[in-house]
Amino acid sequence: HRVVAGTPEQVADQIQEWFEQGAADGFNVMPPWLPGGFDLFADQVVPLLRARGLFRTAYEAATLRGHYGLPRPAAAALR
């Protein structure tokens, strides 16, 4: 695991760099304390990533299946 620490701008810069270099296509955020650490990331880093076009502002579908474009299976009674 790679650890990132710094200002919100520094964290966003590193995430952007990894993404643009193809080193990562997603990230797991593990704040040093909960719940405040995650709130700090969501409130200060995520807006920077959104402004850079690196973090979605809305989901295209309401379910994980829809997000991946998978068809809905037939009802069990119809199989």
C-alpha atoms as a PDB file:
ATOM      1  CA  HIS A   1       0.000   0.000   0.000  1.00  0.00           C
ATOM      2  CA  ARG A   2       1.152   3.485  -0.724  1.00  0.00           C
ATOM      3  CA  VAL A   3       0.534   6.052   1.976  1.00  0.00           C
ATOM      4  CA  VAL A   4      -0.316   9.639   1.096  1.00  0.00           C
ATOM      5  CA  ALA A   5      -0.151  12.498   3.554  1.00  0.00           C
ATOM      6  CA  GLY A   6      -0.230  16.219   3.052  1.00  0.00           C
ATOM      7  CA  THR A   7      -2.561  19.056   2.266  1.00  0.00           C
ATOM      8  CA  PRO A   8      -5.743  18.295   0.326  1.00  0.00           C
ATOM      9  CA  GLU A   9      -4.039  19.727  -2.779  1.00  0.00           C
ATOM     10  CA  GLN A  10      -0.996  17.469  -2.334  1.00  0.00           C
ATOM     11  CA  VAL A  11      -3.179  14.398  -1.880  1.00  0.00           C
ATOM     12  CA  ALA A  12      -5.244  15.279  -4.963  1.00  0.00           C
ATOM     13  CA  ASP A  13      -2.030  15.889  -6.935  1.00  0.00           C
ATOM     14  CA  GLN A  14      -0.703  12.420  -6.083  1.00  0.00           C
ATOM     15  CA  ILE A  15      -3.985  10.710  -6.912  1.00  0.00           C
ATOM     16  CA  GLN A  16      -4.103  12.563 -10.230  1.00  0.00           C
ATOM     17  CA  GLU A  17      -0.495  11.641 -11.018  1.00  0.00           C
ATOM     18  CA  TRP A  18      -1.073   7.918 -10.369  1.00  0.00           C
ATOM     19  CA  PHE A  19      -4.253   7.936 -12.424  1.00  0.00           C
ATOM     20  CA  GLU A  20      -2.704   9.763 -15.393  1.00  0.00           C
ATOM     21  CA  GLN A  21       0.322   7.445 -15.367  1.00  0.00           C
ATOM     22  CA  GLY A  22      -1.982   4.416 -15.522  1.00  0.00           C
ATOM     23  CA  ALA A  23      -0.724   3.251 -12.139  1.00  0.00           C
ATOM     24  CA  ALA A  24      -4.245   3.033 -10.712  1.00  0.00           C
ATOM     25  CA  ASP A  25      -7.824   3.015 -11.908  1.00  0.00           C
ATOM     26  CA  GLY A  26      -9.334   3.344  -8.443  1.00  0.00           C
ATOM     27  CA  PHE A  27      -8.365   3.925  -4.842  1.00  0.00           C
ATOM     28  CA  ASN A  28      -9.194   2.586  -1.398  1.00  0.00           C
ATOM     29  CA  VAL A  29      -9.269   5.364   1.160  1.00  0.00           C
ATOM     30  CA  MET A  30      -8.064   4.314   4.606  1.00  0.00           C
ATOM     31  CA  PRO A  31      -8.060   7.404   6.821  1.00  0.00           C
ATOM     32  CA  PRO A  32      -5.879   7.393   9.935  1.00  0.00           C
ATOM     33  CA  TRP A  33      -8.939   7.844  12.180  1.00  0.00           C
ATOM     34  CA  LEU A  34     -12.688   7.411  11.858  1.00  0.00           C
ATOM     35  CA  PRO A  35     -15.105   8.945  11.242  1.00  0.00           C
ATOM     36  CA  GLY A  36     -13.438  12.348  10.985  1.00  0.00           C
ATOM     37  CA  GLY A  37     -10.595  11.266   8.724  1.00  0.00           C
ATOM     38  CA  PHE A  38     -12.945  10.075   6.020  1.00  0.00           C
ATOM     39  CA  ASP A  39     -15.074  13.203   6.354  1.00  0.00           C
ATOM     40  CA  LEU A  40     -11.960  15.333   5.897  1.00  0.00           C
ATOM     41  CA  PHE A  41     -11.085  13.451   2.688  1.00  0.00           C
ATOM     42  CA  ALA A  42     -14.646  13.668   1.351  1.00  0.00           C
ATOM     43  CA  ASP A  43     -15.014  17.357   2.193  1.00  0.00           C
ATOM     44  CA  GLN A  44     -11.591  18.608   1.085  1.00  0.00           C
ATOM     45  CA  VAL A  45     -10.007  16.196  -1.423  1.00  0.00           C
ATOM     46  CA  VAL A  46     -13.043  14.958  -3.356  1.00  0.00           C
ATOM     47  CA  PRO A  47     -14.098  18.478  -4.468  1.00  0.00           C
ATOM     48  CA  LEU A  48     -10.593  19.025  -5.868  1.00  0.00           C
ATOM     49  CA  LEU A  49     -10.760  15.734  -7.766  1.00  0.00           C
ATOM     50  CA  ARG A  50     -14.210  16.640  -9.107  1.00  0.00           C
ATOM     51  CA  ALA A  51     -12.943  20.015 -10.311  1.00  0.00           C
ATOM     52  CA  ARG A  52     -10.177  18.177 -12.187  1.00  0.00           C
ATOM     53  CA  GLY A  53     -12.665  15.766 -13.772  1.00  0.00           C
ATOM     54  CA  LEU A  54     -11.280  12.803 -11.837  1.00  0.00           C
ATOM     55  CA  PHE A  55     -14.239  12.021  -9.580  1.00  0.00           C
ATOM     56  CA  ARG A  56     -17.807  11.560 -10.722  1.00  0.00           C
ATOM     57  CA  THR A  57     -20.466  14.020  -9.652  1.00  0.00           C
ATOM     58  CA  ALA A  58     -23.351  11.575 -10.117  1.00  0.00           C
ATOM     59  CA  TYR A  59     -23.929   7.910 -10.828  1.00  0.00           C
ATOM     60  CA  GLU A  60     -25.401   6.908 -14.174  1.00  0.00           C
ATOM     61  CA  ALA A  61     -27.507   4.106 -12.687  1.00  0.00           C
ATOM     62  CA  ALA A  62     -29.208   3.330  -9.398  1.00  0.00           C
ATOM     63  CA  THR A  63     -27.663  -0.136  -8.922  1.00  0.00           C
ATOM     64  CA  LEU A  64     -24.253  -1.763  -9.258  1.00  0.00           C
ATOM     65  CA  ARG A  65     -25.691  -3.964 -12.020  1.00  0.00           C
ATOM     66  CA  GLY A  66     -26.855  -0.873 -13.887  1.00  0.00           C
ATOM     67  CA  HIS A  67     -23.545   0.872 -13.331  1.00  0.00           C
ATOM     68  CA  TYR A  68     -21.766  -2.020 -15.072  1.00  0.00           C
ATOM     69  CA  GLY A  69     -24.379  -2.209 -17.831  1.00  0.00           C
ATOM     70  CA  LEU A  70     -25.412  -5.748 -16.933  1.00  0.00           C
ATOM     71  CA  PRO A  71     -28.849  -7.031 -17.938  1.00  0.00           C
ATOM     72  CA  ARG A  72     -31.392  -7.715 -15.234  1.00  0.00           C
ATOM     73  CA  PRO A  73     -31.954 -11.471 -14.821  1.00  0.00           C
ATOM     74  CA  ALA A  74     -35.376 -12.942 -15.486  1.00  0.00           C
ATOM     75  CA  ALA A  75     -37.582 -13.527 -12.464  1.00  0.00           C
ATOM     76  CA  ALA A  76     -37.102 -16.980 -10.918  1.00  0.00           C
ATOM     77  CA  ALA A  77     -40.721 -17.896 -11.727  1.00  0.00           C
ATOM     78  CA  LEU A  78     -39.995 -17.334 -15.437  1.00  0.00           C
ATOM     79  CA  ARG A  79     -36.849 -19.466 -15.601  1.00  0.00           C
END
